[in-house]
Amino acid sequence: MDEDEKMEEDSKDSEFKKPAKVKTKRTVYLPGLPMKKGEKLVFDPSAYHMLHEAQTGAPCLSFDIITDKLGDNRTLYPHTAYIVAGTQADRPNKNNVIVIKASNLHEMKEESDSEGGSESSDSESGGPSKTPKMNRMLIRHHGCVNRIRTAKVGDRTLAGVWSEMGKVTLLDLNPQLAELDGPSLSKKSNPEPIRPLFVFNGHLGEGFGIDWCPTEPGVLATGDCRKNIHVWRPQEGGWHVDQRPLVGHKASVEDLQWSPNERHILASCSVDKSLRIWDTRQAGASACKLTVQDAHSSDINVISWNKMEPLIASGGDDGYLYIWDLRNFKSGEAVATLKHHTSYVTTVEWSPHDHSVFASGGADDQIAIWDLAVERDDSEELSSELKDLPPQLLFIHQGQEDIKELHWHKQIPGMIVSTANSGFNFFRTISV
């Protein structure tokens, strides 16, 4: 079965797998500690409200959570989540944008009794099945998907897709979402190319930076590996992309973030180690209003703008996380420096429900959940291993290989979805 057939076979079937559980005595493991021969890591069910693992065939190294119509602040299980992801297959003509409906996501329950046996499954006992489901619709995409981001624009859900082929494509996902919510899914052995809403070929090469403006529907910013940033604005019949790029970075633009509150204000980070704040009402170099040079000691990969406080978090190849206060940005000094990751930081995002909480992930196969409001209690006795951990570190999630992106679900408090070379995780920890 080739890659296409694998992807098509899953258009209606679940690809979730159950996390393995063991009956042996467990000890707490901290990343970096040596392991004895034969030892292996297993997760502790009591540390999670929910944990599900899923596969999509070819790795999806970028995705976004789609805002749905099921309501905000959802706390009752089972949960349903809609996401869109892009594949990185080994051949350019075998890639897809995948629109996913993950449903029946149940909370974590211990399944062993005091005698060491297991409880009967819901299906055996006549109750509703607790098996999660993942249905998918595929859209043919030429080239690997570098990064994908979604936005609600009017009554449409749009996706901006950065391709390794050097173009950015805008897609309307409404037809696929309607199909996923329909009474039955049609089986198509080969997804046909979908006519995009708009395609921009004006970048001089491929890129990764892309973000939809939350205060002006339909406005988009894209940044490329040739150090240029272009701003898109909707117009009748399509989009107008300003051919005069925002210039100032001296190397690849790795990530972009619009201000959550101020129109026209955009933040960027780069391989040149700098952070920049732009006023997009102006063009060229004059649009850059604030710069922190050498914000990291090496490439800055990702940034996240806090939705409730004037703070930006950044993560880089140096493994450091820095927190920047926009009120003190000119000083060039971070208000917090956090070091836990032992390799590249590849993803960072503030919680949409708690202004002091954010999560980060990296090439060290860890997702860390942080709370800046936590301070160390010097009166508490800690082991030597725990003393070395930053007091703001709430939780360490492992089990995925080469983590690429994570996102908090804006409508389900505490829920995180993450993707890695080894697949997706849908989880909520007891820490938030």
Protein backbone atom coordinates (compact mmCIF):
# COMPACT_ATOMS: atom_id res chain seq x y z
CA MET A 1 0.00 0.00 0.00
CA ASP A 2 1.59 3.31 -1.09
CA GLU A 3 1.46 6.59 0.84
CA ASP A 4 -1.68 7.81 -0.98
CA GLU A 5 -3.58 4.59 -0.32
CA LYS A 6 -2.63 4.72 3.36
CA MET A 7 -3.88 8.29 3.65
CA GLU A 8 -7.11 7.54 1.79
CA GLU A 9 -7.88 4.42 3.79
CA ASP A 10 -7.99 6.57 6.91
CA SER A 11 -10.59 9.02 5.55
CA LYS A 12 -13.16 7.49 7.89
CA ASP A 13 -11.25 5.13 10.23
CA SER A 14 -9.57 6.00 13.50
CA GLU A 15 -5.79 6.02 13.68
CA PHE A 16 -5.71 6.56 17.44
CA LYS A 17 -3.71 4.13 19.51
CA LYS A 18 -3.96 3.41 23.19
CA PRO A 19 -0.99 4.50 25.34
CA ALA A 20 0.75 1.47 26.83
CA LYS A 21 0.34 0.79 30.54
CA VAL A 22 2.45 -1.44 32.76
CA LYS A 23 1.94 -3.25 36.07
CA THR A 24 5.49 -2.84 37.41
CA LYS A 25 6.68 -0.49 40.12
CA ARG A 26 7.28 3.02 38.82
CA THR A 27 9.72 5.74 39.78
CA VAL A 28 9.71 9.35 38.66
CA TYR A 29 12.05 10.05 35.74
CA LEU A 30 13.53 13.45 34.94
CA PRO A 31 14.90 14.09 31.43
CA GLY A 32 18.65 13.69 31.26
CA LEU A 33 18.93 11.04 33.97
CA PRO A 34 20.63 7.77 32.96
CA MET A 35 18.44 4.71 32.46
CA LYS A 36 19.33 1.14 33.34
CA LYS A 37 19.41 -1.54 30.68
CA GLY A 38 15.91 -2.78 29.98
CA GLU A 39 14.22 0.24 31.55
CA LYS A 40 11.72 2.20 29.51
CA LEU A 41 9.55 5.21 30.07
CA VAL A 42 5.78 4.90 30.56
CA PHE A 43 3.31 7.64 31.31
CA ASP A 44 1.56 8.04 34.67
CA PRO A 45 -2.23 8.06 34.08
CA SER A 46 -2.81 9.98 37.31
CA ALA A 47 -0.91 12.97 35.86
CA TYR A 48 -3.37 13.44 32.98
CA HIS A 49 -7.01 14.27 32.68
CA MET A 50 -6.80 13.12 29.05
CA LEU A 51 -4.17 11.61 26.74
CA HIS A 52 -4.62 10.24 23.24
CA GLU A 53 -2.07 9.43 20.52
CA ALA A 54 -2.80 9.44 16.79
CA GLN A 55 -1.08 8.83 13.47
CA THR A 56 -1.66 10.39 10.04
CA GLY A 57 0.64 8.42 7.75
CA ALA A 58 3.20 10.91 6.45
CA PRO A 59 4.44 13.22 9.24
CA CYS A 60 2.53 16.47 9.73
CA LEU A 61 5.05 18.93 11.12
CA SER A 62 2.71 21.92 11.15
CA PHE A 63 -0.96 22.19 12.05
CA ASP A 64 -3.53 24.55 13.52
CA ILE A 65 -6.65 24.11 15.62
CA ILE A 66 -9.85 25.22 13.89
CA THR A 67 -12.34 27.33 15.81
CA ASP A 68 -15.60 25.36 15.78
CA LYS A 69 -19.28 25.93 16.55
CA LEU A 70 -19.44 23.68 19.62
CA GLY A 71 -19.06 26.50 22.12
CA ASP A 72 -16.40 28.02 24.37
CA ASN A 73 -15.09 26.89 27.78
CA ARG A 74 -16.06 23.28 27.18
CA THR A 75 -15.27 21.03 30.14
CA LEU A 76 -17.53 18.00 29.73
CA TYR A 77 -16.06 14.84 28.19
CA PRO A 78 -15.88 13.45 25.58
CA HIS A 79 -14.35 16.29 23.56
CA THR A 80 -14.29 16.95 19.83
CA ALA A 81 -11.55 18.94 18.12
CA TYR A 82 -11.07 20.05 14.53
CA ILE A 83 -7.57 20.63 13.19
CA VAL A 84 -5.88 21.17 9.83
CA ALA A 85 -2.39 19.86 9.14
CA GLY A 86 0.06 19.62 6.26
CA THR A 87 2.19 16.62 5.39
CA GLN A 88 5.89 16.28 4.67
CA ALA A 89 5.99 13.24 2.42
CA ASP A 90 9.16 12.03 0.71
CA ARG A 91 7.87 13.07 -2.75
CA PRO A 92 6.47 16.56 -3.55
CA ASN A 93 3.43 15.19 -5.42
CA LYS A 94 2.40 12.97 -2.49
CA ASN A 95 1.62 15.76 -0.01
CA ASN A 96 -1.75 16.78 1.33
CA VAL A 97 -3.47 19.30 3.54
CA ILE A 98 -5.54 17.20 5.95
CA VAL A 99 -8.70 18.48 7.63
CA ILE A 100 -9.28 16.36 10.74
CA LYS A 101 -12.20 15.80 13.09
CA ALA A 102 -11.01 14.09 16.29
CA SER A 103 -14.01 13.02 18.36
CA ASN A 104 -14.93 10.88 21.36
CA LEU A 105 -11.84 12.10 23.24
CA HIS A 106 -12.53 10.71 26.70
CA GLU A 107 -10.89 11.57 29.99
CA MET A 108 -8.25 9.35 31.54
CA LYS A 109 -9.52 6.50 33.74
CA GLU A 110 -7.55 3.84 35.54
CA GLU A 111 -8.43 0.49 33.96
CA SER A 112 -6.94 -1.91 36.50
CA ASP A 113 -8.59 -3.22 39.66
CA SER A 114 -6.99 -4.18 42.97
CA GLU A 115 -6.51 -7.81 41.86
CA GLY A 116 -4.43 -6.77 38.87
CA GLY A 117 -7.15 -7.58 36.36
CA SER A 118 -8.77 -5.19 33.96
CA GLU A 119 -12.23 -3.78 33.82
CA SER A 120 -14.42 -4.78 30.91
CA SER A 121 -14.58 -2.32 28.06
CA ASP A 122 -17.63 -0.15 27.54
CA SER A 123 -18.55 -2.08 24.42
CA GLU A 124 -18.42 -5.38 26.35
CA SER A 125 -20.57 -4.01 29.16
CA GLY A 126 -23.12 -2.51 26.81
CA GLY A 127 -22.11 1.12 27.45
CA PRO A 128 -21.03 3.66 24.86
CA SER A 129 -17.65 3.08 23.26
CA LYS A 130 -14.78 5.19 24.58
CA THR A 131 -12.64 4.58 21.53
CA PRO A 132 -11.60 7.94 20.03
CA LYS A 133 -12.31 8.54 16.37
CA MET A 134 -10.43 10.50 13.75
CA ASN A 135 -12.04 11.27 10.41
CA ARG A 136 -10.12 13.12 7.70
CA MET A 137 -10.56 14.89 4.40
CA LEU A 138 -7.57 15.35 2.11
CA ILE A 139 -6.67 18.25 -0.16
CA ARG A 140 -3.87 17.66 -2.64
CA HIS A 141 -0.88 19.96 -2.07
CA HIS A 142 2.22 20.23 -4.23
CA GLY A 143 5.32 20.17 -2.06
CA CYS A 144 5.84 19.75 1.67
CA VAL A 145 3.85 22.04 3.94
CA ASN A 146 6.28 24.21 5.90
CA ARG A 147 3.62 25.86 8.05
CA ILE A 148 -0.17 26.21 8.09
CA ARG A 149 -2.41 28.66 9.97
CA THR A 150 -6.18 29.20 10.01
CA ALA A 151 -8.59 32.06 10.63
CA LYS A 152 -12.31 32.75 10.59
CA VAL A 153 -13.05 35.36 7.94
CA GLY A 154 -16.76 36.05 7.75
CA ASP A 155 -18.51 32.70 7.61
CA ARG A 156 -15.51 30.90 6.13
CA THR A 157 -12.63 29.02 7.73
CA LEU A 158 -9.49 29.88 5.75
CA ALA A 159 -6.09 28.24 5.82
CA GLY A 160 -2.84 29.91 4.80
CA VAL A 161 -0.34 27.30 3.61
CA TRP A 162 3.40 27.92 3.23
CA SER A 163 4.87 25.48 0.70
CA GLU A 164 8.48 24.39 0.32
CA MET A 165 7.96 25.33 -3.33
CA GLY A 166 8.12 29.01 -2.37
CA LYS A 167 4.43 29.92 -2.62
CA VAL A 168 1.67 30.67 -0.14
CA THR A 169 -1.81 29.32 -0.87
CA LEU A 170 -5.12 30.30 0.72
CA LEU A 171 -7.78 27.57 1.00
CA ASP A 172 -11.44 27.63 2.02
CA LEU A 173 -11.95 24.66 4.37
CA ASN A 174 -15.74 24.94 4.67
CA PRO A 175 -16.49 22.14 2.16
CA GLN A 176 -14.23 19.68 4.01
CA LEU A 177 -15.61 20.64 7.42
CA ALA A 178 -19.17 20.20 6.13
CA GLU A 179 -18.25 16.76 4.80
CA LEU A 180 -16.74 15.74 8.15
CA ASP A 181 -19.93 16.76 9.94
CA GLY A 182 -22.19 15.07 7.38
CA PRO A 183 -24.08 11.83 7.94
CA SER A 184 -21.47 9.81 6.05
CA LEU A 185 -18.03 10.35 4.57
CA SER A 186 -17.49 9.73 0.89
CA LYS A 187 -14.53 7.53 0.07
CA LYS A 188 -12.27 9.02 -2.60
CA SER A 189 -9.27 6.93 -3.55
CA ASN A 190 -7.38 9.97 -4.86
CA PRO A 191 -8.06 13.50 -3.58
CA GLU A 192 -8.44 15.93 -6.43
CA PRO A 193 -6.67 19.28 -6.27
CA ILE A 194 -8.93 21.97 -4.80
CA ARG A 195 -9.00 25.32 -6.52
CA PRO A 196 -7.40 27.75 -4.04
CA LEU A 197 -8.87 31.12 -3.18
CA PHE A 198 -5.55 32.83 -3.81
CA VAL A 199 -1.90 32.01 -4.46
CA PHE A 200 1.06 34.34 -3.90
CA ASN A 201 4.29 33.56 -5.75
CA GLY A 202 6.02 36.84 -4.93
CA HIS A 203 8.34 35.56 -2.22
CA LEU A 204 11.89 34.97 -3.45
CA GLY A 205 12.06 31.55 -1.84
CA GLU A 206 10.35 29.29 0.67
CA GLY A 207 9.48 30.42 4.16
CA PHE A 208 7.95 29.59 7.53
CA GLY A 209 6.61 32.82 9.04
CA ILE A 210 2.84 33.21 8.69
CA ASP A 211 0.11 34.67 10.91
CA TRP A 212 -3.45 35.94 10.50
CA CYS A 213 -4.27 39.27 12.11
CA PRO A 214 -6.83 38.82 14.93
CA THR A 215 -8.05 42.43 14.83
CA GLU A 216 -8.50 42.81 11.05
CA PRO A 217 -10.20 39.75 9.50
CA GLY A 218 -8.48 38.52 6.37
CA VAL A 219 -5.21 40.42 6.91
CA LEU A 220 -2.20 38.10 6.75
CA ALA A 221 1.58 38.43 7.11
CA THR A 222 4.10 36.03 5.58
CA GLY A 223 7.88 35.95 5.96
CA ASP A 224 10.44 34.04 3.92
CA CYS A 225 13.94 32.63 4.18
CA ARG A 226 15.21 35.54 2.09
CA LYS A 227 14.48 37.90 5.06
CA ASN A 228 11.40 39.62 3.56
CA ILE A 229 7.94 40.07 5.11
CA HIS A 230 4.83 40.75 3.01
CA VAL A 231 1.47 41.96 4.31
CA TRP A 232 -1.75 40.78 2.65
CA ARG A 233 -5.05 42.66 2.75
CA PRO A 234 -8.38 41.36 1.45
CA GLN A 235 -10.00 43.10 -1.45
CA GLU A 236 -12.91 42.34 -3.76
CA GLY A 237 -12.16 39.15 -5.61
CA GLY A 238 -9.08 38.19 -3.64
CA TRP A 239 -6.17 39.72 -1.73
CA HIS A 240 -3.73 42.53 -2.36
CA VAL A 241 -0.18 41.67 -1.30
CA ASP A 242 2.07 44.68 -0.80
CA GLN A 243 5.04 44.12 -3.11
CA ARG A 244 7.14 46.41 -0.91
CA PRO A 245 8.33 44.02 1.80
CA LEU A 246 9.06 44.98 5.38
CA VAL A 247 12.86 44.91 5.45
CA GLY A 248 15.26 44.94 8.36
CA HIS A 249 16.12 41.34 9.16
CA LYS A 250 19.46 40.17 7.83
CA ALA A 251 18.54 36.48 7.60
CA SER A 252 15.54 34.15 7.40
CA VAL A 253 12.31 35.26 9.07
CA GLU A 254 11.33 32.26 11.18
CA ASP A 255 8.08 33.33 12.87
CA LEU A 256 5.52 36.15 12.88
CA GLN A 257 2.93 37.22 15.46
CA TRP A 258 0.34 39.99 15.18
CA SER A 259 -0.50 42.00 18.26
CA PRO A 260 -3.70 40.60 19.81
CA ASN A 261 -4.99 44.10 20.55
CA GLU A 262 -3.36 46.73 18.31
CA ARG A 263 -4.10 46.91 14.62
CA HIS A 264 -1.12 47.17 12.28
CA ILE A 265 1.42 45.98 14.90
CA LEU A 266 3.45 42.88 14.03
CA ALA A 267 6.34 41.05 15.75
CA SER A 268 8.96 38.91 14.03
CA CYS A 269 12.00 36.79 14.87
CA SER A 270 14.87 35.66 12.72
CA VAL A 271 17.95 33.54 12.22
CA ASP A 272 19.82 36.85 12.65
CA LYS A 273 19.06 36.51 16.43
CA SER A 274 16.88 39.64 16.53
CA LEU A 275 13.30 40.41 17.52
CA ARG A 276 11.52 43.23 15.71
CA ILE A 277 8.25 45.14 16.13
CA TRP A 278 6.68 46.61 12.97
CA ASP A 279 4.01 49.17 12.15
CA THR A 280 2.55 47.76 8.94
CA ARG A 281 0.97 51.05 7.92
CA GLN A 282 4.43 51.90 6.64
CA ALA A 283 6.60 50.03 4.16
CA GLY A 284 10.23 49.03 3.87
CA ALA A 285 12.74 49.70 6.62
CA SER A 286 10.71 52.59 8.07
CA ALA A 287 8.07 50.11 9.30
CA CYS A 288 10.47 48.68 11.91
CA LYS A 289 9.88 50.58 15.15
CA LEU A 290 11.66 48.49 17.81
CA THR A 291 14.52 45.98 17.64
CA VAL A 292 16.30 43.76 20.13
CA GLN A 293 19.58 42.68 18.57
CA ASP A 294 21.11 39.43 19.81
CA ALA A 295 17.95 38.53 21.73
CA HIS A 296 19.28 34.94 21.68
CA SER A 297 22.79 33.60 21.18
CA SER A 298 21.71 31.74 18.03
CA ASP A 299 18.73 31.41 15.66
CA ILE A 300 15.35 32.43 17.09
CA ASN A 301 12.82 29.87 15.89
CA VAL A 302 9.48 30.83 17.44
CA ILE A 303 7.64 33.61 19.25
CA SER A 304 4.23 33.89 20.92
CA TRP A 305 2.37 37.07 21.88
CA ASN A 306 0.42 36.88 25.15
CA LYS A 307 -3.28 37.61 24.56
CA MET A 308 -3.82 39.21 28.00
CA GLU A 309 -0.50 40.87 28.89
CA PRO A 310 2.05 42.87 26.82
CA LEU A 311 4.49 39.95 26.82
CA ILE A 312 6.22 38.01 24.05
CA ALA A 313 7.87 34.62 24.59
CA SER A 314 10.72 33.51 22.31
CA GLY A 315 12.52 30.20 21.84
CA GLY A 316 15.69 29.45 19.92
CA ASP A 317 18.36 27.02 18.85
CA ASP A 318 20.20 27.77 22.09
CA GLY A 319 17.46 25.96 24.05
CA TYR A 320 16.56 29.11 25.96
CA LEU A 321 13.16 30.69 26.48
CA TYR A 322 12.98 34.43 27.05
CA ILE A 323 10.04 36.57 28.10
CA TRP A 324 9.97 40.13 26.75
CA ASP A 325 7.84 42.95 28.17
CA LEU A 326 6.70 45.32 25.40
CA ARG A 327 6.63 48.15 27.95
CA ASN A 328 10.37 47.71 28.43
CA PHE A 329 11.30 46.43 24.98
CA LYS A 330 13.74 49.26 24.22
CA SER A 331 16.00 48.17 27.06
CA GLY A 332 16.79 44.95 25.24
CA GLU A 333 16.56 43.03 28.50
CA ALA A 334 14.26 40.04 28.96
CA VAL A 335 12.11 40.01 32.08
CA ALA A 336 12.52 36.25 32.47
CA THR A 337 15.08 33.69 31.29
CA LEU A 338 14.14 30.01 31.41
CA LYS A 339 16.44 27.09 30.62
CA HIS A 340 15.26 23.50 30.65
CA HIS A 341 15.27 22.26 27.05
CA THR A 342 18.48 20.50 26.06
CA SER A 343 18.09 21.08 22.32
CA TYR A 344 16.37 23.44 19.88
CA VAL A 345 13.11 25.03 20.99
CA THR A 346 10.75 24.49 18.06
CA THR A 347 7.41 25.67 19.46
CA VAL A 348 6.08 28.01 22.14
CA GLU A 349 2.57 29.27 22.87
CA TRP A 350 0.83 31.13 25.70
CA SER A 351 -2.28 29.64 27.23
CA PRO A 352 -5.41 31.45 26.01
CA HIS A 353 -7.01 31.01 29.45
CA ASP A 354 -4.25 31.91 31.93
CA HIS A 355 -2.04 34.96 31.38
CA SER A 356 0.97 33.50 33.23
CA VAL A 357 0.99 30.00 31.69
CA PHE A 358 2.64 28.90 28.45
CA ALA A 359 3.98 25.71 26.89
CA SER A 360 7.13 24.99 24.92
CA GLY A 361 8.49 22.04 23.00
CA GLY A 362 11.64 21.06 21.20
CA ALA A 363 13.99 18.64 19.53
CA ASP A 364 14.75 17.13 22.95
CA ASP A 365 11.38 15.30 22.74
CA GLN A 366 9.88 17.30 25.60
CA ILE A 367 6.89 19.57 26.05
CA ALA A 368 7.21 21.80 29.10
CA ILE A 369 4.34 23.66 30.74
CA TRP A 370 5.37 26.80 32.61
CA ASP A 371 3.72 29.20 35.05
CA LEU A 372 5.52 32.51 35.53
CA ALA A 373 3.46 33.21 38.65
CA VAL A 374 5.18 30.39 40.56
CA GLU A 375 8.10 31.20 42.85
CA ARG A 376 10.40 28.81 44.67
CA ASP A 377 9.57 28.12 48.30
CA ASP A 378 12.99 28.15 49.98
CA SER A 379 11.55 26.48 53.09
CA GLU A 380 10.60 23.37 51.13
CA GLU A 381 13.15 20.56 51.05
CA LEU A 382 13.80 19.31 47.53
CA SER A 383 15.89 16.48 46.13
CA SER A 384 19.06 17.42 44.27
CA GLU A 385 17.38 16.65 40.94
CA LEU A 386 14.36 18.88 41.65
CA LYS A 387 16.54 21.72 42.90
CA ASP A 388 18.01 22.01 39.41
CA LEU A 389 14.60 22.49 37.80
CA PRO A 390 13.26 26.03 37.29
CA PRO A 391 10.49 26.68 39.84
CA GLN A 392 8.20 27.90 37.05
CA LEU A 393 8.27 24.46 35.39
CA LEU A 394 4.90 22.83 36.11
CA PHE A 395 4.92 19.72 33.95
CA ILE A 396 7.06 17.72 31.52
CA HIS A 397 5.25 15.75 28.81
CA GLN A 398 7.20 13.13 26.86
CA GLY A 399 6.54 10.29 24.48
CA GLN A 400 6.81 12.04 21.11
CA GLU A 401 9.92 12.10 18.95
CA ASP A 402 11.23 15.38 17.50
CA ILE A 403 8.39 17.69 18.54
CA LYS A 404 7.56 20.39 16.00
CA GLU A 405 4.44 22.31 17.08
CA LEU A 406 1.93 22.59 19.89
CA HIS A 407 -1.25 24.61 20.25
CA TRP A 408 -3.65 25.18 23.13
CA HIS A 409 -7.30 24.65 22.27
CA LYS A 410 -8.95 28.05 22.68
CA GLN A 411 -12.38 26.52 23.37
CA ILE A 412 -11.35 23.64 25.67
CA PRO A 413 -9.42 24.99 28.70
CA GLY A 414 -6.17 23.16 29.42
CA MET A 415 -6.18 20.99 26.29
CA ILE A 416 -3.01 20.87 24.19
CA VAL A 417 -2.53 19.28 20.77
CA SER A 418 1.03 18.61 19.64
CA THR A 419 2.64 17.14 16.55
CA ALA A 420 6.00 15.46 16.02
CA ASN A 421 7.72 13.10 13.63
CA SER A 422 6.07 10.29 15.61
CA GLY A 423 2.50 11.63 15.32
CA PHE A 424 -0.06 13.68 17.25
CA ASN A 425 -0.89 13.88 20.96
CA PHE A 426 -4.15 15.26 22.36
CA PHE A 427 -3.79 15.81 26.10
CA ARG A 428 -4.69 17.73 29.20
CA THR A 429 -2.53 17.51 32.31
CA ILE A 430 -3.52 17.91 35.97
CA SER A 431 -1.25 20.97 36.22
CA VAL A 432 -3.56 23.42 34.38
